[in-house]
Protein backbone atom coordinates (compact mmCIF):
# COMPACT_ATOMS: atom_id res chain seq x y z
CA MET A 1 -8.73 7.17 -16.28
CA ILE A 2 -9.53 10.80 -16.90
CA ASP A 3 -12.18 11.54 -19.53
CA LYS A 4 -12.23 15.32 -19.44
CA ILE A 5 -10.32 18.27 -17.98
CA SER A 6 -12.04 21.64 -17.67
CA LEU A 7 -10.28 24.79 -16.46
CA GLU A 8 -12.00 28.13 -15.87
CA ASN A 9 -10.26 31.32 -14.71
CA PHE A 10 -7.32 29.21 -13.58
CA THR A 11 -3.85 30.77 -14.08
CA LEU A 12 -3.89 32.00 -17.72
CA PHE A 13 -6.99 30.06 -18.80
CA HIS A 14 -10.32 31.83 -19.34
CA ASP A 15 -12.18 28.58 -20.06
CA VAL A 16 -10.87 25.51 -21.80
CA GLU A 17 -12.06 21.91 -21.99
CA VAL A 18 -9.91 18.97 -23.08
CA ASP A 19 -11.42 15.59 -23.92
CA LEU A 20 -8.84 12.88 -23.32
CA CYS A 21 -8.70 9.50 -25.02
CA PRO A 22 -7.87 6.41 -22.89
CA LYS A 23 -4.49 5.87 -24.57
CA ILE A 24 -2.01 8.51 -25.81
CA ASN A 25 -2.73 12.24 -25.48
CA ILE A 26 -0.20 14.76 -26.79
CA ILE A 27 -0.43 18.43 -25.90
CA ILE A 28 1.43 20.97 -28.03
CA GLY A 29 1.47 24.75 -28.17
CA GLU A 30 3.77 27.74 -28.16
CA ASN A 31 5.45 28.83 -24.94
CA GLY A 32 2.99 30.51 -22.61
CA THR A 33 -0.12 28.61 -23.71
CA GLY A 34 -0.35 26.60 -20.48
CA LYS A 35 0.75 23.07 -21.37
CA THR A 36 2.49 22.40 -18.05
CA GLN A 37 -0.28 24.08 -16.05
CA LEU A 38 -2.85 21.85 -17.72
CA LEU A 39 -0.86 18.71 -16.88
CA LYS A 40 -0.23 19.80 -13.31
CA ALA A 41 -3.86 20.75 -12.70
CA ALA A 42 -5.06 17.33 -13.85
CA TYR A 43 -2.35 15.59 -11.83
CA ALA A 44 -3.04 17.67 -8.72
CA ALA A 45 -6.77 16.94 -8.75
CA SER A 46 -6.49 13.25 -9.61
CA SER A 47 -3.66 12.54 -7.16
CA SER A 48 -5.49 14.43 -4.41
CA ARG A 49 -8.62 12.42 -5.04
CA GLN A 50 -6.64 9.19 -4.87
CA GLN A 51 -4.74 10.12 -1.70
CA ILE A 52 -7.56 11.73 0.26
CA GLY A 53 -10.22 9.19 -0.68
CA ALA A 54 -8.17 6.50 0.96
CA THR A 55 -7.92 8.35 4.28
CA SER A 56 -10.84 10.70 4.92
CA ASN A 57 -14.35 11.77 3.97
CA ASP A 58 -14.34 14.86 6.20
CA GLU A 59 -15.08 17.93 4.05
CA ASP A 60 -12.72 20.22 5.98
CA VAL A 61 -9.87 17.71 5.70
CA ILE A 62 -10.49 17.26 1.98
CA ARG A 63 -10.59 21.01 1.37
CA THR A 64 -7.41 21.62 3.37
CA LYS A 65 -5.44 18.82 1.74
CA MET A 66 -6.57 19.73 -1.77
CA THR A 67 -5.51 23.33 -1.16
CA GLU A 68 -2.10 22.26 0.18
CA ARG A 69 -1.61 19.98 -2.80
CA PHE A 70 -2.22 22.73 -5.35
CA ILE A 71 0.02 25.17 -3.50
CA LYS A 72 2.90 22.66 -3.34
CA LEU A 73 2.56 21.73 -7.00
CA PHE A 74 2.20 25.27 -8.40
CA LEU A 75 4.20 27.31 -5.85
CA PRO A 76 2.06 30.47 -6.20
CA LEU A 77 3.37 33.79 -4.92
CA ASP A 78 3.25 34.02 -1.12
CA ASP A 79 1.92 30.44 -1.05
CA LYS A 80 -1.59 31.77 -1.57
CA LEU A 81 -4.09 29.71 -3.55
CA GLY A 82 -5.83 32.90 -4.73
CA LYS A 83 -2.72 33.83 -6.72
CA LEU A 84 -3.68 31.03 -9.15
CA HIS A 85 -6.91 32.87 -9.97
CA ARG A 86 -6.76 34.48 -13.42
CA ASN A 87 -6.06 38.21 -13.24
CA GLY A 88 -9.14 40.27 -13.98
CA ALA A 89 -11.60 37.39 -13.80
CA GLU A 90 -14.85 38.26 -12.04
CA SER A 91 -16.01 34.71 -11.33
CA ASN A 92 -14.40 31.84 -9.43
CA ALA A 93 -11.55 29.73 -10.72
CA LYS A 94 -12.65 26.14 -11.33
CA ILE A 95 -10.79 22.90 -12.06
CA ASN A 96 -13.07 20.05 -13.05
CA LEU A 97 -12.08 16.46 -13.82
CA SER A 98 -14.42 13.74 -15.07
CA PHE A 99 -13.32 10.12 -14.67
CA ASP A 100 -14.19 6.98 -16.56
CA ASP A 101 -15.79 5.45 -13.44
CA GLY A 102 -18.59 8.01 -13.68
CA ASN A 103 -17.25 10.10 -10.81
CA GLY A 104 -15.69 13.54 -10.93
CA ILE A 105 -14.24 16.29 -8.83
CA GLU A 106 -14.41 20.08 -8.97
CA LEU A 107 -12.28 22.62 -7.11
CA GLY A 108 -13.19 26.27 -6.92
CA PHE A 109 -11.60 29.38 -5.41
CA TYR A 110 -11.45 33.16 -5.80
CA ASN A 111 -8.52 35.57 -5.75
CA ASN A 112 -8.71 36.06 -1.98
CA SER A 113 -9.44 32.43 -1.14
CA GLN A 114 -7.46 30.75 1.61
CA ALA A 115 -8.76 27.30 0.67
CA ALA A 116 -10.55 25.68 -2.25
CA THR A 117 -14.13 24.47 -2.24
CA VAL A 118 -14.37 20.84 -3.31
CA LYS A 119 -17.31 19.10 -4.92
CA GLY A 120 -17.25 15.39 -5.69
CA GLN A 121 -19.56 13.42 -7.92
CA GLY A 122 -19.97 9.95 -6.52
CA LYS A 123 -18.16 8.60 -3.50
CA LEU A 124 -14.70 10.00 -2.95
CA GLU A 125 -13.61 6.79 -1.26
CA GLU A 126 -13.98 5.02 -4.63
CA THR A 127 -10.47 6.10 -5.44
CA LEU A 128 -8.49 6.07 -8.62
CA ALA A 129 -5.27 4.18 -8.98
CA ALA A 130 -2.34 6.48 -8.22
CA PRO A 131 -1.39 8.76 -11.14
CA LEU A 132 2.23 9.57 -11.95
CA TYR A 133 3.86 12.84 -13.03
CA MET A 134 7.29 12.90 -14.66
CA PRO A 135 8.70 16.45 -14.65
CA THR A 136 10.88 17.90 -17.39
CA LYS A 137 14.14 17.51 -15.45
CA GLU A 138 15.68 14.14 -14.63
CA VAL A 139 16.14 13.54 -10.89
CA LEU A 140 18.64 10.67 -10.59
CA SER A 141 21.49 13.16 -10.30
CA PHE A 142 20.10 14.72 -7.08
CA MET A 143 17.89 12.03 -5.52
CA LYS A 144 20.16 11.24 -2.57
CA GLY A 145 18.81 13.08 0.44
CA PHE A 146 16.35 15.11 -1.63
CA SER A 147 13.16 13.86 0.03
CA SER A 148 14.52 14.58 3.51
CA LEU A 149 15.60 18.07 2.48
CA TYR A 150 12.24 18.71 0.83
CA GLN A 151 10.35 17.78 3.97
CA ARG A 152 12.49 19.97 6.24
CA PHE A 153 13.27 23.04 4.12
CA ASP A 154 11.51 25.46 1.78
CA LEU A 155 13.14 24.37 -1.49
CA SER A 156 12.46 25.96 -4.87
CA PHE A 157 11.19 22.67 -6.29
CA ASP A 158 7.52 21.96 -6.79
CA GLN A 159 6.15 18.76 -5.29
CA THR A 160 6.27 16.80 -8.56
CA TYR A 161 9.98 16.33 -7.85
CA GLN A 162 9.43 14.86 -4.41
CA ASP A 163 6.62 12.67 -5.78
CA ILE A 164 8.78 11.21 -8.52
CA CYS A 165 11.74 10.65 -6.17
CA LEU A 166 9.50 8.70 -3.79
CA SER A 167 8.16 6.58 -6.67
CA LEU A 168 11.68 5.84 -7.92
CA ASP A 169 12.83 4.83 -4.45
CA LEU A 170 10.15 2.17 -4.02
CA PRO A 171 11.35 -1.47 -3.99
CA GLU A 172 10.98 -3.53 -7.12
CA ILE A 173 7.73 -5.44 -7.47
CA ARG A 174 7.84 -9.22 -7.46
CA GLU A 175 9.12 -10.85 -10.64
CA GLU A 176 5.84 -12.67 -11.23
CA ALA A 177 3.92 -9.38 -11.00
CA LEU A 178 6.08 -7.67 -13.62
CA GLN A 179 4.25 -7.65 -16.93
CA GLU A 180 5.95 -9.10 -20.00
CA LYS A 181 5.80 -5.84 -21.90
CA ALA A 182 7.28 -4.03 -18.89
CA LYS A 183 10.19 -6.50 -18.94
CA TRP A 184 10.55 -5.88 -22.68
CA ALA A 185 10.67 -2.11 -22.15
CA ILE A 186 13.18 -2.38 -19.28
CA ASP A 187 15.46 -4.61 -21.38
CA LYS A 188 15.18 -2.22 -24.33
CA ILE A 189 16.17 0.74 -22.15
CA ASN A 190 19.09 -1.12 -20.54
CA ASP A 191 20.33 -2.16 -23.96
CA VAL A 192 20.29 1.41 -25.25
CA VAL A 193 22.01 2.93 -22.20
CA GLY A 194 24.53 0.10 -22.07
CA GLY A 195 23.90 -0.97 -18.51
CA LYS A 196 21.48 -0.70 -15.61
CA PHE A 197 20.73 1.89 -12.95
CA VAL A 198 20.81 0.38 -9.47
CA PHE A 199 18.74 1.85 -6.63
CA TYR A 200 20.02 1.17 -3.12
CA GLY A 201 17.38 3.16 -1.24
CA GLY A 202 17.55 6.59 0.33
CA GLY A 203 18.07 8.08 -3.10
CA LYS A 204 21.43 6.43 -3.72
CA VAL A 205 21.66 5.51 -7.40
CA THR A 206 24.56 4.01 -9.34
CA PHE A 207 25.03 2.73 -12.86
CA LYS A 208 26.37 -0.75 -13.61
CA SER A 209 27.88 -1.58 -16.97
CA GLN A 210 29.33 -5.08 -17.38
CA ASN A 211 31.68 -5.46 -14.40
CA ASN A 212 31.99 -1.76 -13.55
CA GLU A 213 29.86 0.44 -11.32
CA TYR A 214 29.76 4.23 -11.56
CA SER A 215 28.02 7.18 -9.98
CA ALA A 216 24.79 7.92 -11.82
CA ASN A 217 25.99 11.52 -12.16
CA VAL A 218 28.65 10.59 -14.72
CA VAL A 219 26.03 9.07 -17.05
CA ALA A 220 24.51 11.18 -19.82
CA GLU A 221 21.34 13.06 -18.82
CA GLY A 222 19.33 11.45 -21.59
CA PHE A 223 20.28 8.00 -20.29
CA ARG A 224 19.33 9.04 -16.75
CA LYS A 225 15.91 10.09 -18.03
CA ALA A 226 15.47 6.75 -19.80
CA GLY A 227 16.60 5.06 -16.59
CA MET A 228 13.81 6.81 -14.70
CA LEU A 229 11.23 5.26 -17.02
CA GLY A 230 12.76 1.80 -16.61
CA ARG A 231 12.81 2.11 -12.82
CA LEU A 232 9.18 3.21 -12.64
CA LEU A 233 8.27 0.05 -14.54
CA GLU A 234 10.37 -2.04 -12.12
CA THR A 235 8.60 -0.62 -9.06
CA GLY A 236 5.13 -0.89 -10.56
CA ALA A 237 4.58 2.88 -10.33
CA ILE A 238 3.79 2.42 -14.01
CA GLN A 239 1.74 -0.74 -14.33
CA PRO A 240 -0.54 -0.65 -17.39
CA GLY A 241 -4.14 -1.50 -16.60
CA ILE A 242 -3.53 -0.97 -12.88
CA SER A 243 -1.76 2.35 -12.30
CA GLY A 244 -3.42 5.72 -12.85
CA THR A 245 -2.81 8.25 -15.60
CA MET A 246 0.82 8.90 -16.50
CA PHE A 247 1.69 12.57 -17.09
CA TRP A 248 5.02 13.46 -18.68
CA ASP A 249 6.17 17.01 -19.36
CA GLU A 250 8.58 17.23 -22.31
CA PRO A 251 9.75 13.60 -22.44
CA GLU A 252 12.13 14.55 -25.24
CA SER A 253 14.19 16.82 -22.98
CA ASN A 254 17.86 15.66 -22.93
CA PHE A 255 17.12 12.86 -25.41
CA ASN A 256 19.17 12.58 -28.57
CA PRO A 257 16.81 12.42 -31.59
CA LYS A 258 18.07 8.88 -32.29
CA LEU A 259 16.40 7.72 -29.06
CA MET A 260 12.99 9.19 -29.90
CA LYS A 261 11.78 6.17 -31.85
CA MET A 262 12.57 3.80 -28.97
CA LEU A 263 10.77 6.04 -26.51
CA VAL A 264 7.66 6.29 -28.69
CA GLU A 265 7.63 2.50 -29.24
CA ILE A 266 7.67 1.94 -25.47
CA LEU A 267 4.91 4.48 -24.79
CA LEU A 268 2.69 3.04 -27.52
CA GLU A 269 3.16 -0.45 -26.10
CA LEU A 270 2.30 0.71 -22.59
CA ALA A 271 -0.88 2.31 -23.93
CA ARG A 272 -1.78 -0.93 -25.71
CA GLN A 273 -1.63 -2.66 -22.34
CA GLY A 274 -4.07 -0.18 -20.79
CA GLN A 275 -1.95 2.78 -19.66
CA GLN A 276 -3.45 6.26 -20.18
CA ILE A 277 -0.67 8.71 -21.03
CA VAL A 278 -0.76 12.52 -21.26
CA LEU A 279 2.33 14.21 -22.72
CA ALA A 280 3.40 17.78 -23.46
CA THR A 281 6.07 18.29 -26.11
CA HIS A 282 7.92 20.85 -28.24
CA ASP A 283 9.84 18.31 -30.34
CA TYR A 284 9.14 17.53 -34.00
CA ALA A 285 10.88 14.13 -34.11
CA PHE A 286 9.06 12.93 -30.98
CA LEU A 287 5.70 14.16 -32.26
CA LYS A 288 6.18 12.76 -35.77
CA TRP A 289 7.22 9.30 -34.59
CA PHE A 290 3.79 8.91 -32.97
CA ASP A 291 2.17 9.73 -36.30
CA LEU A 292 4.39 7.21 -38.12
CA LEU A 293 4.34 4.35 -35.60
CA ALA A 294 0.74 4.40 -34.34
CA ASP A 295 -1.05 1.32 -35.72
CA GLY A 296 -4.83 1.20 -35.70
CA ASN A 297 -4.69 -2.56 -36.25
CA LYS A 298 -3.02 -2.84 -32.84
CA GLY A 299 -5.65 -0.66 -31.23
CA ASP A 300 -3.47 2.44 -31.05
CA GLN A 301 -5.13 5.80 -30.46
CA VAL A 302 -3.18 9.03 -30.37
CA ARG A 303 -5.13 12.19 -29.68
CA TYR A 304 -3.50 15.55 -30.35
CA HIS A 305 -4.42 18.71 -28.45
CA SER A 306 -3.10 22.06 -29.71
CA LEU A 307 -3.26 24.97 -27.27
CA TYR A 308 -3.25 28.36 -28.98
CA ARG A 309 -4.34 31.94 -28.40
CA ASN A 310 -7.30 33.42 -30.25
CA GLU A 311 -6.84 36.19 -32.81
CA ALA A 312 -7.02 38.86 -30.13
CA GLY A 313 -4.21 37.03 -28.32
CA SER A 314 -6.04 37.04 -25.01
CA LYS A 315 -7.73 33.66 -24.68
CA VAL A 316 -6.14 30.21 -24.84
CA ARG A 317 -8.17 27.77 -26.89
CA VAL A 318 -7.71 24.09 -27.70
CA MET A 319 -8.05 22.21 -30.99
CA THR A 320 -8.33 18.42 -30.61
CA THR A 321 -8.01 15.77 -33.31
CA ASP A 322 -7.14 12.08 -33.68
CA ASP A 323 -5.62 12.77 -37.11
CA TYR A 324 -2.15 14.32 -37.11
CA MET A 325 -2.68 15.83 -40.58
CA GLU A 326 -5.64 17.81 -39.23
CA LEU A 327 -3.73 19.24 -36.28
CA GLN A 328 -3.94 23.02 -36.53
CA PRO A 329 -2.27 25.14 -35.44
CA ASN A 330 0.87 23.02 -35.28
CA PRO A 331 3.77 25.35 -34.36
CA ILE A 332 6.18 22.40 -34.13
CA ASP A 333 5.51 21.29 -37.70
CA GLU A 334 5.50 24.90 -38.92
CA ALA A 335 8.89 25.61 -37.35
CA PHE A 336 10.36 22.47 -38.94
CA GLY A 337 8.88 23.47 -42.31
CA ASN A 338 10.42 26.93 -42.00
CA ILE A 339 13.85 25.36 -41.49
CA ILE A 340 13.42 23.21 -44.62
CA ASN A 341 12.26 26.21 -46.64
CA GLU A 342 15.20 28.28 -45.43
CA GLU A 343 17.60 25.47 -46.33
CA ILE A 344 16.11 25.18 -49.83
CA ALA A 345 16.33 28.95 -50.30
CA ASN A 346 19.98 28.92 -49.23
CA ASP A 347 20.76 26.03 -51.59
CA MET A 348 19.02 27.75 -54.49
CA GLY A 349 20.93 30.95 -53.74
CA SER A 350 24.22 29.04 -53.78
CA LEU A 351 23.35 27.49 -57.15
CA GLY A 352 22.61 30.92 -58.59
CA LYS A 353 26.02 32.26 -57.73
């Protein structure tokens, strides 16, 4: 698990430090405050540590592979790592992750750097379990052939899309290895979508409902996104207590608000079983369901992180709390409140006519 993420002079960040809890972490903030960049930076460093630690301890290899990983995940201009250095910063960019095993990793680079410097605390070969990143867009509609195309051509997709396609295309784990709560979540998803997504390999995905089978492309996008979660549980890519941190950027995207409660129930249950989850969201219903459904008696912990700009508007800061009512600033709640106030004002105006 990841204990702490620190970013300095990286993309739009001057310096920010985020302390994660071992269960649910929710990142909010207005557009342009770096929610996705924060998730990707943590995923890039933790997945690189996991992948490289299993294959090499050579410093040059580690530096090269870490650099390639960040370039493929962030797609900087001209494929240059230095383009991720904050404009105007005089000191190096740094990405630092601390892990619950006592180890850590730090990457550093400047605006003209060709490769990152990498410092590891502890032995790099003591790897983490593989983390998982779910991007905003669903991928079931374009999985077929995507990995092959990605490997051969310069596509305008960052590597999170190839990563998730590869995880979805894994075979199912053995029935006896599938956790009971994972089975519960899969059944709950299949019940809501009214069928089951079937993965034939090579990215071919269909949808079976009763005795009929359809192309996955004719199924609603929200159902396809739910199907991704179910499949990742089937393959063991998400295996609470075993798999690494799960990152999910805007889970609510394409979901009807009626499905939000189900999604939050599943995520809370996964966290109860030992899954660390880091989410970024813009949605009031999704955010509020965590506040309403989290149960301290069941060991739930939801930590909220609000990214915002200081009064001068130049620096991104973070406010962290375990109490939703103390979350400030909360642009999602404020926007919802403004709608309610506008509705009341309109109703009062109608009554006065």
